[in-house]
Amino acid sequence: GLVHTGGSLRLSCVASGGTFSSYIMAWFRQAPGNEREFVAIINRSG
């Protein structure tokens, strides 16, 4: 969404069609004209 500088947001990602606990999950981001970049990663157990 849209937020002012200093604000907060919580993103969610729901997986279906597999065994979620077996997956290593990550977040990436991409601004227009920029390369997609790594943000964060979490292993199977957290």
Full PDB file with SEQRES, HELIX, SHEET, SSBOND, CRYST1, ORIGX, SCALE, CONECT and MASTER records, all heavy atoms in Angstrom:
SEQRES   1 A   46  GLY LEU VAL HIS THR GLY GLY SER LEU ARG LEU SER CYS          
SEQRES   2 A   46  VAL ALA SER GLY GLY THR PHE SER SER TYR ILE MET ALA          
SEQRES   3 A   46  TRP PHE ARG GLN ALA PRO GLY ASN GLU ARG GLU PHE VAL          
SEQRES   4 A   46  ALA ILE ILE ASN ARG SER GLY                                  
HELIX    1 AA1 PHE A   20  SER A   22  5                                   3    
SHEET    1 AA1 2 MET A  25  ARG A  29  0                                        
SHEET    2 AA1 2 GLU A  37  ILE A  42 -1                                        
CRYST1    1.000    1.000    1.000  90.00  90.00  90.00 P 1           1          
ORIGX1      1.000000  0.000000  0.000000        0.00000                         
ORIGX2      0.000000  1.000000  0.000000        0.00000                         
ORIGX3      0.000000  0.000000  1.000000        0.00000                         
SCALE1      1.000000  0.000000  0.000000        0.00000                         
SCALE2      0.000000  1.000000  0.000000        0.00000                         
SCALE3      0.000000  0.000000  1.000000        0.00000                         
ATOM      1  N   GLY A   1       0.810  -1.194   0.000  1.00  0.00           N  
ATOM      2  CA  GLY A   1       0.000   0.000   0.000  1.00  0.00           C  
ATOM      3  C   GLY A   1       0.843   1.242   0.000  1.00  0.00           C  
ATOM      4  O   GLY A   1       2.054   1.199  -0.241  1.00  0.00           O  
ATOM      5  N   LEU A   2       0.195   2.364   0.268  1.00  0.00           N  
ATOM      6  CA  LEU A   2       0.827   3.678   0.314  1.00  0.00           C  
ATOM      7  C   LEU A   2       0.973   4.116   1.761  1.00  0.00           C  
ATOM      8  O   LEU A   2       0.003   4.091   2.521  1.00  0.00           O  
ATOM      9  CB  LEU A   2      -0.014   4.691  -0.465  1.00  0.00           C  
ATOM     10  CG  LEU A   2       0.427   6.147  -0.433  1.00  0.00           C  
ATOM     11  CD1 LEU A   2       1.793   6.299  -1.093  1.00  0.00           C  
ATOM     12  CD2 LEU A   2      -0.605   7.017  -1.128  1.00  0.00           C  
ATOM     13  N   VAL A   3       2.177   4.528   2.127  1.00  0.00           N  
ATOM     14  CA  VAL A   3       2.449   4.935   3.496  1.00  0.00           C  
ATOM     15  C   VAL A   3       3.425   6.101   3.499  1.00  0.00           C  
ATOM     16  O   VAL A   3       4.227   6.254   2.573  1.00  0.00           O  
ATOM     17  CB  VAL A   3       3.001   3.744   4.317  1.00  0.00           C  
ATOM     18  CG1 VAL A   3       4.374   3.324   3.797  1.00  0.00           C  
ATOM     19  CG2 VAL A   3       3.036   4.044   5.794  1.00  0.00           C  
ATOM     20  N   HIS A   4       3.347   6.948   4.521  1.00  0.00           N  
ATOM     21  CA  HIS A   4       4.282   8.056   4.665  1.00  0.00           C  
ATOM     22  C   HIS A   4       5.627   7.568   5.186  1.00  0.00           C  
ATOM     23  O   HIS A   4       5.731   6.512   5.817  1.00  0.00           O  
ATOM     24  CB  HIS A   4       3.733   9.103   5.633  1.00  0.00           C  
ATOM     25  CG  HIS A   4       2.499   9.794   5.159  1.00  0.00           C  
ATOM     26  ND1 HIS A   4       2.484  10.593   4.041  1.00  0.00           N  
ATOM     27  CD2 HIS A   4       1.236   9.801   5.662  1.00  0.00           C  
ATOM     28  CE1 HIS A   4       1.271  11.072   3.872  1.00  0.00           C  
ATOM     29  NE2 HIS A   4       0.496  10.608   4.834  1.00  0.00           N  
ATOM     30  N   THR A   5       6.654   8.357   4.928  1.00  0.00           N  
ATOM     31  CA  THR A   5       7.962   8.083   5.494  1.00  0.00           C  
ATOM     32  C   THR A   5       7.859   7.879   7.005  1.00  0.00           C  
ATOM     33  O   THR A   5       7.210   8.645   7.703  1.00  0.00           O  
ATOM     34  CB  THR A   5       8.929   9.223   5.183  1.00  0.00           C  
ATOM     35  OG1 THR A   5       9.099   9.341   3.772  1.00  0.00           O  
ATOM     36  CG2 THR A   5      10.282   8.995   5.838  1.00  0.00           C  
ATOM     37  N   GLY A   6       8.495   6.820   7.487  1.00  0.00           N  
ATOM     38  CA  GLY A   6       8.445   6.487   8.899  1.00  0.00           C  
ATOM     39  C   GLY A   6       7.338   5.535   9.285  1.00  0.00           C  
ATOM     40  O   GLY A   6       7.314   5.050  10.420  1.00  0.00           O  
ATOM     41  N   GLY A   7       6.441   5.248   8.370  1.00  0.00           N  
ATOM     42  CA  GLY A   7       5.328   4.366   8.644  1.00  0.00           C  
ATOM     43  C   GLY A   7       5.698   2.904   8.553  1.00  0.00           C  
ATOM     44  O   GLY A   7       6.850   2.538   8.319  1.00  0.00           O  
ATOM     45  N   SER A   8       4.680   2.053   8.717  1.00  0.00           N  
ATOM     46  CA  SER A   8       4.875   0.608   8.744  1.00  0.00           C  
ATOM     47  C   SER A   8       3.864  -0.101   7.862  1.00  0.00           C  
ATOM     48  O   SER A   8       2.745   0.378   7.665  1.00  0.00           O  
ATOM     49  CB  SER A   8       4.731   0.069  10.170  1.00  0.00           C  
ATOM     50  OG  SER A   8       5.704   0.608  11.039  1.00  0.00           O  
ATOM     51  N   LEU A   9       4.270  -1.235   7.338  1.00  0.00           N  
ATOM     52  CA  LEU A   9       3.400  -2.142   6.612  1.00  0.00           C  
ATOM     53  C   LEU A   9       3.799  -3.566   6.949  1.00  0.00           C  
ATOM     54  O   LEU A   9       4.964  -3.832   7.257  1.00  0.00           O  
ATOM     55  CB  LEU A   9       3.498  -1.947   5.102  1.00  0.00           C  
ATOM     56  CG  LEU A   9       2.857  -0.712   4.487  1.00  0.00           C  
ATOM     57  CD1 LEU A   9       3.264  -0.600   3.019  1.00  0.00           C  
ATOM     58  CD2 LEU A   9       1.337  -0.770   4.611  1.00  0.00           C  
ATOM     59  N   ARG A  10       2.843  -4.466   6.860  1.00  0.00           N  
ATOM     60  CA  ARG A  10       3.102  -5.885   7.051  1.00  0.00           C  
ATOM     61  C   ARG A  10       2.665  -6.640   5.805  1.00  0.00           C  
ATOM     62  O   ARG A  10       1.478  -6.657   5.470  1.00  0.00           O  
ATOM     63  CB  ARG A  10       2.350  -6.419   8.262  1.00  0.00           C  
ATOM     64  CG  ARG A  10       2.712  -7.859   8.641  1.00  0.00           C  
ATOM     65  CD  ARG A  10       1.655  -8.441   9.550  1.00  0.00           C  
ATOM     66  NE  ARG A  10       2.074  -9.669  10.206  1.00  0.00           N  
ATOM     67  CZ  ARG A  10       1.228 -10.586  10.691  1.00  0.00           C  
ATOM     68  NH1 ARG A  10      -0.080 -10.399  10.601  1.00  0.00           N  
ATOM     69  NH2 ARG A  10       1.707 -11.665  11.281  1.00  0.00           N  
ATOM     70  N   LEU A  11       3.612  -7.261   5.130  1.00  0.00           N  
ATOM     71  CA  LEU A  11       3.328  -8.057   3.953  1.00  0.00           C  
ATOM     72  C   LEU A  11       3.133  -9.516   4.338  1.00  0.00           C  
ATOM     73  O   LEU A  11       3.774 -10.021   5.262  1.00  0.00           O  
ATOM     74  CB  LEU A  11       4.465  -7.959   2.943  1.00  0.00           C  
ATOM     75  CG  LEU A  11       4.901  -6.555   2.527  1.00  0.00           C  
ATOM     76  CD1 LEU A  11       5.967  -6.647   1.439  1.00  0.00           C  
ATOM     77  CD2 LEU A  11       3.717  -5.729   2.054  1.00  0.00           C  
ATOM     78  N   SER A  12       2.262 -10.185   3.611  1.00  0.00           N  
ATOM     79  CA  SER A  12       2.028 -11.611   3.794  1.00  0.00           C  
ATOM     80  C   SER A  12       2.179 -12.327   2.468  1.00  0.00           C  
ATOM     81  O   SER A  12       1.909 -11.759   1.409  1.00  0.00           O  
ATOM     82  CB  SER A  12       0.623 -11.874   4.342  1.00  0.00           C  
ATOM     83  OG  SER A  12       0.427 -11.271   5.596  1.00  0.00           O  
ATOM     84  N   CYS A  13       2.601 -13.564   2.528  1.00  0.00           N  
ATOM     85  CA  CYS A  13       2.693 -14.414   1.352  1.00  0.00           C  
ATOM     86  C   CYS A  13       2.183 -15.791   1.729  1.00  0.00           C  
ATOM     87  O   CYS A  13       2.760 -16.448   2.605  1.00  0.00           O  
ATOM     88  CB  CYS A  13       4.132 -14.489   0.848  1.00  0.00           C  
ATOM     89  SG  CYS A  13       4.393 -15.649  -0.513  1.00  0.00           S  
ATOM     90  N   VAL A  14       1.114 -16.217   1.086  1.00  0.00           N  
ATOM     91  CA  VAL A  14       0.494 -17.507   1.362  1.00  0.00           C  
ATOM     92  C   VAL A  14       0.856 -18.485   0.256  1.00  0.00           C  
ATOM     93  O   VAL A  14       0.716 -18.173  -0.933  1.00  0.00           O  
ATOM     94  CB  VAL A  14      -1.034 -17.377   1.475  1.00  0.00           C  
ATOM     95  CG1 VAL A  14      -1.656 -18.741   1.747  1.00  0.00           C  
ATOM     96  CG2 VAL A  14      -1.409 -16.397   2.576  1.00  0.00           C  
ATOM     97  N   ALA A  15       1.308 -19.660   0.647  1.00  0.00           N  
ATOM     98  CA  ALA A  15       1.686 -20.711  -0.290  1.00  0.00           C  
ATOM     99  C   ALA A  15       0.625 -21.796  -0.322  1.00  0.00           C  
ATOM    100  O   ALA A  15       0.053 -22.155   0.709  1.00  0.00           O  
ATOM    101  CB  ALA A  15       3.031 -21.314   0.092  1.00  0.00           C  
ATOM    102  N   SER A  16       0.384 -22.328  -1.497  1.00  0.00           N  
ATOM    103  CA  SER A  16      -0.533 -23.446  -1.649  1.00  0.00           C  
ATOM    104  C   SER A  16       0.020 -24.418  -2.675  1.00  0.00           C  
ATOM    105  O   SER A  16       0.812 -24.048  -3.540  1.00  0.00           O  
ATOM    106  CB  SER A  16      -1.931 -22.976  -2.062  1.00  0.00           C  
ATOM    107  OG  SER A  16      -1.894 -22.302  -3.309  1.00  0.00           O  
ATOM    108  N   GLY A  17      -0.399 -25.667  -2.568  1.00  0.00           N  
ATOM    109  CA  GLY A  17       0.005 -26.669  -3.543  1.00  0.00           C  
ATOM    110  C   GLY A  17       1.278 -27.433  -3.208  1.00  0.00           C  
ATOM    111  O   GLY A  17       1.789 -28.161  -4.056  1.00  0.00           O  
ATOM    112  N   GLY A  18       1.786 -27.273  -2.004  1.00  0.00           N  
ATOM    113  CA  GLY A  18       2.997 -27.971  -1.600  1.00  0.00           C  
ATOM    114  C   GLY A  18       3.086 -28.093  -0.092  1.00  0.00           C  
ATOM    115  O   GLY A  18       2.133 -27.800   0.623  1.00  0.00           O  
ATOM    116  N   THR A  19       4.245 -28.528   0.357  1.00  0.00           N  
ATOM    117  CA  THR A  19       4.503 -28.685   1.786  1.00  0.00           C  
ATOM    118  C   THR A  19       5.301 -27.478   2.261  1.00  0.00           C  
ATOM    119  O   THR A  19       6.522 -27.420   2.091  1.00  0.00           O  
ATOM    120  CB  THR A  19       5.260 -29.984   2.062  1.00  0.00           C  
ATOM    121  OG1 THR A  19       4.532 -31.092   1.537  1.00  0.00           O  
ATOM    122  CG2 THR A  19       5.449 -30.175   3.565  1.00  0.00           C  
ATOM    123  N   PHE A  20       4.619 -26.527   2.870  1.00  0.00           N  
ATOM    124  CA  PHE A  20       5.224 -25.242   3.188  1.00  0.00           C  
ATOM    125  C   PHE A  20       6.424 -25.380   4.120  1.00  0.00           C  
ATOM    126  O   PHE A  20       7.426 -24.678   3.955  1.00  0.00           O  
ATOM    127  CB  PHE A  20       4.172 -24.318   3.800  1.00  0.00           C  
ATOM    128  CG  PHE A  20       4.676 -22.943   4.086  1.00  0.00           C  
ATOM    129  CD1 PHE A  20       4.865 -22.034   3.063  1.00  0.00           C  
ATOM    130  CD2 PHE A  20       4.968 -22.554   5.387  1.00  0.00           C  
ATOM    131  CE1 PHE A  20       5.327 -20.766   3.316  1.00  0.00           C  
ATOM    132  CE2 PHE A  20       5.430 -21.281   5.652  1.00  0.00           C  
ATOM    133  CZ  PHE A  20       5.608 -20.387   4.616  1.00  0.00           C  
ATOM    134  N   SER A  21       6.331 -26.272   5.088  1.00  0.00           N  
ATOM    135  CA  SER A  21       7.402 -26.398   6.071  1.00  0.00           C  
ATOM    136  C   SER A  21       8.707 -26.905   5.463  1.00  0.00           C  
ATOM    137  O   SER A  21       9.754 -26.804   6.107  1.00  0.00           O  
ATOM    138  CB  SER A  21       6.976 -27.322   7.212  1.00  0.00           C  
ATOM    139  OG  SER A  21       6.686 -28.624   6.735  1.00  0.00           O  
ATOM    140  N   SER A  22       8.667 -27.427   4.253  1.00  0.00           N  
ATOM    141  CA  SER A  22       9.876 -27.886   3.583  1.00  0.00           C  
ATOM    142  C   SER A  22      10.556 -26.792   2.759  1.00  0.00           C  
ATOM    143  O   SER A  22      11.633 -27.025   2.206  1.00  0.00           O  
ATOM    144  CB  SER A  22       9.571 -29.082   2.681  1.00  0.00           C  
ATOM    145  OG  SER A  22       8.824 -28.695   1.541  1.00  0.00           O  
ATOM    146  N   TYR A  23       9.950 -25.614   2.680  1.00  0.00           N  
ATOM    147  CA  TYR A  23      10.453 -24.557   1.815  1.00  0.00           C  
ATOM    148  C   TYR A  23      11.262 -23.518   2.585  1.00  0.00           C  
ATOM    149  O   TYR A  23      10.867 -23.096   3.667  1.00  0.00           O  
ATOM    150  CB  TYR A  23       9.313 -23.825   1.114  1.00  0.00           C  
ATOM    151  CG  TYR A  23       8.394 -24.712   0.310  1.00  0.00           C  
ATOM    152  CD1 TYR A  23       7.030 -24.449   0.272  1.00  0.00           C  
ATOM    153  CD2 TYR A  23       8.874 -25.793  -0.406  1.00  0.00           C  
ATOM    154  CE1 TYR A  23       6.176 -25.247  -0.468  1.00  0.00           C  
ATOM    155  CE2 TYR A  23       8.024 -26.600  -1.135  1.00  0.00           C  
ATOM    156  CZ  TYR A  23       6.673 -26.320  -1.171  1.00  0.00           C  
ATOM    157  OH  TYR A  23       5.827 -27.120  -1.901  1.00  0.00           O  
ATOM    158  N   ILE A  24      12.366 -23.124   1.996  1.00  0.00           N  
ATOM    159  CA  ILE A  24      13.075 -21.927   2.413  1.00  0.00           C  
ATOM    160  C   ILE A  24      12.396 -20.751   1.713  1.00  0.00           C  
ATOM    161  O   ILE A  24      12.208 -20.775   0.498  1.00  0.00           O  
ATOM    162  CB  ILE A  24      14.563 -22.025   2.040  1.00  0.00           C  
ATOM    163  CG1 ILE A  24      15.189 -23.230   2.743  1.00  0.00           C  
ATOM    164  CG2 ILE A  24      15.294 -20.737   2.372  1.00  0.00           C  
ATOM    165  CD1 ILE A  24      16.456 -23.731   2.099  1.00  0.00           C  
ATOM    166  N   MET A  25      12.033 -19.732   2.466  1.00  0.00           N  
ATOM    167  CA  MET A  25      11.259 -18.616   1.926  1.00  0.00           C  
ATOM    168  C   MET A  25      12.059 -17.324   1.964  1.00  0.00           C  
ATOM    169  O   MET A  25      12.826 -17.084   2.898  1.00  0.00           O  
ATOM    170  CB  MET A  25       9.964 -18.432   2.714  1.00  0.00           C  
ATOM    171  CG  MET A  25       9.051 -19.646   2.710  1.00  0.00           C  
ATOM    172  SD  MET A  25       8.455 -20.086   1.051  1.00  0.00           S  
ATOM    173  CE  MET A  25       7.573 -18.587   0.593  1.00  0.00           C  
ATOM    174  N   ALA A  26      11.839 -16.483   0.968  1.00  0.00           N  
ATOM    175  CA  ALA A  26      12.570 -15.230   0.880  1.00  0.00           C  
ATOM    176  C   ALA A  26      11.688 -14.130   0.316  1.00  0.00           C  
ATOM    177  O   ALA A  26      10.668 -14.385  -0.332  1.00  0.00           O  
ATOM    178  CB  ALA A  26      13.814 -15.389   0.007  1.00  0.00           C  
ATOM    179  N   TRP A  27      12.097 -12.894   0.576  1.00  0.00           N  
ATOM    180  CA  TRP A  27      11.500 -11.710  -0.017  1.00  0.00           C  
ATOM    181  C   TRP A  27      12.538 -10.991  -0.874  1.00  0.00           C  
ATOM    182  O   TRP A  27      13.698 -10.831  -0.458  1.00  0.00           O  
ATOM    183  CB  TRP A  27      10.986 -10.736   1.052  1.00  0.00           C  
ATOM    184  CG  TRP A  27       9.768 -11.211   1.777  1.00  0.00           C  
ATOM    185  CD1 TRP A  27       9.726 -11.881   2.954  1.00  0.00           C  
ATOM    186  CD2 TRP A  27       8.408 -11.021   1.368  1.00  0.00           C  
ATOM    187  NE1 TRP A  27       8.429 -12.137   3.318  1.00  0.00           N  
ATOM    188  CE2 TRP A  27       7.590 -11.615   2.357  1.00  0.00           C  
ATOM    189  CE3 TRP A  27       7.795 -10.414   0.273  1.00  0.00           C  
ATOM    190  CZ2 TRP A  27       6.198 -11.619   2.280  1.00  0.00           C  
ATOM    191  CZ3 TRP A  27       6.406 -10.419   0.195  1.00  0.00           C  
ATOM    192  CH2 TRP A  27       5.629 -11.016   1.186  1.00  0.00           C  
ATOM    193  N   PHE A  28      12.113 -10.563  -2.050  1.00  0.00           N  
ATOM    194  CA  PHE A  28      12.881  -9.709  -2.941  1.00  0.00           C  
ATOM    195  C   PHE A  28      12.046  -8.478  -3.266  1.00  0.00           C  
ATOM    196  O   PHE A  28      10.839  -8.461  -3.041  1.00  0.00           O  
ATOM    197  CB  PHE A  28      13.238 -10.446  -4.238  1.00  0.00           C  
ATOM    198  CG  PHE A  28      14.186 -11.595  -4.066  1.00  0.00           C  
ATOM    199  CD1 PHE A  28      13.757 -12.815  -3.576  1.00  0.00           C  
ATOM    200  CD2 PHE A  28      15.523 -11.459  -4.416  1.00  0.00           C  
ATOM    201  CE1 PHE A  28      14.622 -13.883  -3.426  1.00  0.00           C  
ATOM    202  CE2 PHE A  28      16.407 -12.524  -4.276  1.00  0.00           C  
ATOM    203  CZ  PHE A  28      15.952 -13.729  -3.775  1.00  0.00           C  
ATOM    204  N   ARG A  29      12.696  -7.461  -3.824  1.00  0.00           N  
ATOM    205  CA  ARG A  29      11.951  -6.283  -4.242  1.00  0.00           C  
ATOM    206  C   ARG A  29      12.563  -5.707  -5.513  1.00  0.00           C  
ATOM    207  O   ARG A  29      13.746  -5.899  -5.797  1.00  0.00           O  
ATOM    208  CB  ARG A  29      11.904  -5.216  -3.147  1.00  0.00           C  
ATOM    209  CG  ARG A  29      13.243  -4.593  -2.813  1.00  0.00           C  
ATOM    210  CD  ARG A  29      13.102  -3.660  -1.608  1.00  0.00           C  
ATOM    211  NE  ARG A  29      14.351  -2.990  -1.289  1.00  0.00           N  
ATOM    212  CZ  ARG A  29      14.525  -2.212  -0.238  1.00  0.00           C  
ATOM    213  NH1 ARG A  29      13.522  -2.003   0.621  1.00  0.00           N  
ATOM    214  NH2 ARG A  29      15.702  -1.629  -0.020  1.00  0.00           N  
ATOM    215  N   GLN A  30      11.734  -4.976  -6.259  1.00  0.00           N  
ATOM    216  CA  GLN A  30      12.181  -4.388  -7.509  1.00  0.00           C  
ATOM    217  C   GLN A  30      11.467  -3.068  -7.745  1.00  0.00           C  
ATOM    218  O   GLN A  30      10.242  -3.025  -7.810  1.00  0.00           O  
ATOM    219  CB  GLN A  30      11.923  -5.335  -8.675  1.00  0.00           C  
ATOM    220  CG  GLN A  30      12.498  -4.860  -9.989  1.00  0.00           C  
ATOM    221  CD  GLN A  30      12.445  -5.934 -11.052  1.00  0.00           C  
ATOM    222  OE1 GLN A  30      11.609  -6.840 -10.992  1.00  0.00           O  
ATOM    223  NE2 GLN A  30      13.338  -5.856 -12.019  1.00  0.00           N  
ATOM    224  N   ALA A  31      12.243  -2.008  -7.877  1.00  0.00           N  
ATOM    225  CA  ALA A  31      11.720  -0.699  -8.246  1.00  0.00           C  
ATOM    226  C   ALA A  31      11.783  -0.554  -9.765  1.00  0.00           C  
ATOM    227  O   ALA A  31      12.616  -1.194 -10.420  1.00  0.00           O  
ATOM    228  CB  ALA A  31      12.528   0.405  -7.577  1.00  0.00           C  
ATOM    229  N   PRO A  32      10.926   0.280 -10.351  1.00  0.00           N  
ATOM    230  CA  PRO A  32      10.935   0.451 -11.808  1.00  0.00           C  
ATOM    231  C   PRO A  32      12.312   0.842 -12.333  1.00  0.00           C  
ATOM    232  O   PRO A  32      12.951   1.752 -11.816  1.00  0.00           O  
ATOM    233  CB  PRO A  32       9.924   1.570 -12.039  1.00  0.00           C  
ATOM    234  CG  PRO A  32       8.988   1.470 -10.882  1.00  0.00           C  
ATOM    235  CD  PRO A  32       9.853   1.061  -9.715  1.00  0.00           C  
ATOM    236  N   GLY A  33      12.774   0.122 -13.346  1.00  0.00           N  
ATOM    237  CA  GLY A  33      14.066   0.390 -13.941  1.00  0.00           C  
ATOM    238  C   GLY A  33      15.249  -0.173 -13.186  1.00  0.00           C  
ATOM    239  O   GLY A  33      16.384  -0.050 -13.659  1.00  0.00           O  
ATOM    240  N   ASN A  34      15.014  -0.780 -12.035  1.00  0.00           N  
ATOM    241  CA  ASN A  34      16.090  -1.326 -11.219  1.00  0.00           C  
ATOM    242  C   ASN A  34      16.107  -2.845 -11.275  1.00  0.00           C  
ATOM    243  O   ASN A  34      15.135  -3.486 -11.674  1.00  0.00           O  
ATOM    244  CB  ASN A  34      15.946  -0.884  -9.764  1.00  0.00           C  
ATOM    245  CG  ASN A  34      16.190   0.594  -9.564  1.00  0.00           C  
ATOM    246  OD1 ASN A  34      16.563   1.303 -10.502  1.00  0.00           O  
ATOM    247  ND2 ASN A  34      15.970   1.066  -8.350  1.00  0.00           N  
ATOM    248  N   GLU A  35      17.219  -3.413 -10.857  1.00  0.00           N  
ATOM    249  CA  GLU A  35      17.324  -4.854 -10.741  1.00  0.00           C  
ATOM    250  C   GLU A  35      16.542  -5.332  -9.527  1.00  0.00           C  
ATOM    251  O   GLU A  35      16.386  -4.618  -8.538  1.00  0.00           O  
ATOM    252  CB  GLU A  35      18.785  -5.274 -10.586  1.00  0.00           C  
ATOM    253  CG  GLU A  35      19.658  -4.948 -11.778  1.00  0.00           C  
ATOM    254  CD  GLU A  35      21.093  -5.400 -11.590  1.00  0.00           C  
ATOM    255  OE1 GLU A  35      21.437  -5.842 -10.473  1.00  0.00           O  
ATOM    256  OE2 GLU A  35      21.867  -5.322 -12.542  1.00  0.00           O  
ATOM    257  N   ARG A  36      16.040  -6.547  -9.615  1.00  0.00           N  
ATOM    258  CA  ARG A  36      15.419  -7.158  -8.459  1.00  0.00           C  
ATOM    259  C   ARG A  36      16.490  -7.466  -7.423  1.00  0.00           C  
ATOM    260  O   ARG A  36      17.544  -8.021  -7.751  1.00  0.00           O  
ATOM    261  CB  ARG A  36      14.677  -8.430  -8.857  1.00  0.00           C  
ATOM    262  CG  ARG A  36      13.788  -8.985  -7.762  1.00  0.00           C  
ATOM    263  CD  ARG A  36      12.864 -10.071  -8.285  1.00  0.00           C  
ATOM    264  NE  ARG A  36      11.968  -9.564  -9.309  1.00  0.00           N  
ATOM    265  CZ  ARG A  36      10.972 -10.261  -9.835  1.00  0.00           C  
ATOM    266  NH1 ARG A  36      10.737 -11.500  -9.429  1.00  0.00           N  
ATOM    267  NH2 ARG A  36      10.208  -9.721 -10.777  1.00  0.00           N  
ATOM    268  N   GLU A  37      16.227  -7.105  -6.167  1.00  0.00           N  
ATOM    269  CA  GLU A  37      17.227  -7.261  -5.132  1.00  0.00           C  
ATOM    270  C   GLU A  37      16.693  -8.064  -3.950  1.00  0.00           C  
ATOM    271  O   GLU A  37      15.518  -8.018  -3.611  1.00  0.00           O  
ATOM    272  CB  GLU A  37      17.734  -5.898  -4.642  1.00  0.00           C  
ATOM    273  CG  GLU A  37      16.685  -5.052  -3.960  1.00  0.00           C  
ATOM    274  CD  GLU A  37      17.250  -3.746  -3.416  1.00  0.00           C  
ATOM    275  OE1 GLU A  37      18.484  -3.566  -3.426  1.00  0.00           O  
ATOM    276  OE2 GLU A  37      16.442  -2.899  -2.976  1.00  0.00           O  
ATOM    277  N   PHE A  38      17.607  -8.763  -3.326  1.00  0.00           N  
ATOM    278  CA  PHE A  38      17.314  -9.560  -2.151  1.00  0.00           C  
ATOM    279  C   PHE A  38      16.957  -8.672  -0.967  1.00  0.00           C  
ATOM    280  O   PHE A  38      17.560  -7.621  -0.758  1.00  0.00           O  
ATOM    281  CB  PHE A  38      18.540 -10.412  -1.806  1.00  0.00           C  
ATOM    282  CG  PHE A  38      18.474 -11.075  -0.467  1.00  0.00           C  
ATOM    283  CD1 PHE A  38      17.762 -12.248  -0.294  1.00  0.00           C  
ATOM    284  CD2 PHE A  38      19.124 -10.529   0.616  1.00  0.00           C  
ATOM    285  CE1 PHE A  38      17.702 -12.868   0.938  1.00  0.00           C  
ATOM    286  CE2 PHE A  38      19.076 -11.137   1.854  1.00  0.00           C  
ATOM    287  CZ  PHE A  38      18.357 -12.311   2.010  1.00  0.00           C  
ATOM    288  N   VAL A  39      15.980  -9.113  -0.177  1.00  0.00           N  
ATOM    289  CA  VAL A  39      15.565  -8.392   1.021  1.00  0.00           C  
ATOM    290  C   VAL A  39      15.805  -9.215   2.282  1.00  0.00           C  
ATOM    291  O   VAL A  39      16.467  -8.765   3.215  1.00  0.00           O  
ATOM    292  CB  VAL A  39      14.092  -7.975   0.946  1.00  0.00           C  
ATOM    293  CG1 VAL A  39      13.646  -7.322   2.252  1.00  0.00           C  
ATOM    294  CG2 VAL A  39      13.862  -7.025  -0.226  1.00  0.00           C  
ATOM    295  N   ALA A  40      15.257 -10.431   2.326  1.00  0.00           N  
ATOM    296  CA  ALA A  40      15.345 -11.239   3.538  1.00  0.00           C  
ATOM    297  C   ALA A  40      15.058 -12.694   3.210  1.00  0.00           C  
ATOM    298  O   ALA A  40      14.366 -12.993   2.233  1.00  0.00           O  
ATOM    299  CB  ALA A  40      14.363 -10.745   4.600  1.00  0.00           C  
ATOM    300  N   ILE A  41      15.559 -13.596   4.041  1.00  0.00           N  
ATOM    301  CA  ILE A  41      15.334 -15.024   3.856  1.00  0.00           C  
ATOM    302  C   ILE A  41      15.182 -15.682   5.213  1.00  0.00           C  
ATOM    303  O   ILE A  41      15.771 -15.233   6.205  1.00  0.00           O  
ATOM    304  CB  ILE A  41      16.482 -15.667   3.038  1.00  0.00           C  
ATOM    305  CG1 ILE A  41      16.150 -17.111   2.652  1.00  0.00           C  
ATOM    306  CG2 ILE A  41      17.805 -15.571   3.785  1.00  0.00           C  
ATOM    307  CD1 ILE A  41      17.100 -17.685   1.600  1.00  0.00           C  
ATOM    308  N   ILE A  42      14.405 -16.751   5.257  1.00  0.00           N  
ATOM    309  CA  ILE A  42      14.166 -17.494   6.481  1.00  0.00           C  
ATOM    310  C   ILE A  42      14.157 -18.980   6.152  1.00  0.00           C  
ATOM    311  O   ILE A  42      13.587 -19.401   5.145  1.00  0.00           O  
ATOM    312  CB  ILE A  42      12.846 -17.032   7.152  1.00  0.00           C  
ATOM    313  CG1 ILE A  42      12.650 -17.695   8.510  1.00  0.00           C  
ATOM    314  CG2 ILE A  42      11.650 -17.294   6.232  1.00  0.00           C  
ATOM    315  CD1 ILE A  42      11.537 -17.023   9.322  1.00  0.00           C  
ATOM    316  N   ASN A  43      14.793 -19.773   7.000  1.00  0.00           N  
ATOM    317  CA  ASN A  43      14.884 -21.194   6.721  1.00  0.00           C  
ATOM    318  C   ASN A  43      13.600 -21.913   7.116  1.00  0.00           C  
ATOM    319  O   ASN A  43      12.621 -21.307   7.538  1.00  0.00           O  
ATOM    320  CB  ASN A  43      16.122 -21.808   7.388  1.00  0.00           C  
ATOM    321  CG  ASN A  43      15.975 -21.998   8.891  1.00  0.00           C  
ATOM    322  OD1 ASN A  43      15.104 -21.416   9.519  1.00  0.00           O  
ATOM    323  ND2 ASN A  43      16.829 -22.841   9.459  1.00  0.00           N  
ATOM    324  N   ARG A  44      13.612 -23.234   6.979  1.00  0.00           N  
ATOM    325  CA  ARG A  44      12.391 -24.021   7.141  1.00  0.00           C  
ATOM    326  C   ARG A  44      11.763 -23.893   8.518  1.00  0.00           C  
ATOM    327  O   ARG A  44      10.537 -23.787   8.643  1.00  0.00           O  
ATOM    328  CB  ARG A  44      12.670 -25.494   6.835  1.00  0.00           C  
ATOM    329  CG  ARG A  44      13.100 -25.763   5.410  1.00  0.00           C  
ATOM    330  CD  ARG A  44      13.450 -27.231   5.214  1.00  0.00           C  
ATOM    331  NE  ARG A  44      13.849 -27.516   3.838  1.00  0.00           N  
ATOM    332  CZ  ARG A  44      15.097 -27.471   3.414  1.00  0.00           C  
ATOM    333  NH1 ARG A  44      16.087 -27.175   4.241  1.00  0.00           N  
ATOM    334  NH2 ARG A  44      15.364 -27.744   2.135  1.00  0.00           N  
ATOM    335  N   SER A  45      12.580 -23.900   9.537  1.00  0.00           N  
ATOM    336  CA  SER A  45      12.081 -23.838  10.904  1.00  0.00           C  
ATOM    337  C   SER A  45      11.910 -22.415  11.418  1.00  0.00           C  
ATOM    338  O   SER A  45      11.268 -22.214  12.458  1.00  0.00           O  
ATOM    339  CB  SER A  45      13.028 -24.592  11.832  1.00  0.00           C  
ATOM    340  OG  SER A  45      14.268 -23.916  11.932  1.00  0.00           O  
ATOM    341  N   GLY A  46      12.479 -21.442  10.728  1.00  0.00           N  
ATOM    342  CA  GLY A  46      12.479 -20.072  11.202  1.00  0.00           C  
ATOM    343  C   GLY A  46      13.656 -19.725  12.085  1.00  0.00           C  
ATOM    344  O   GLY A  46      13.759 -18.589  12.550  1.00  0.00           O  
TER     345      GLY A  46                                                      
MASTER        0    0    0    1    2    0    0    6  344    1    0    4          
END                                                                             
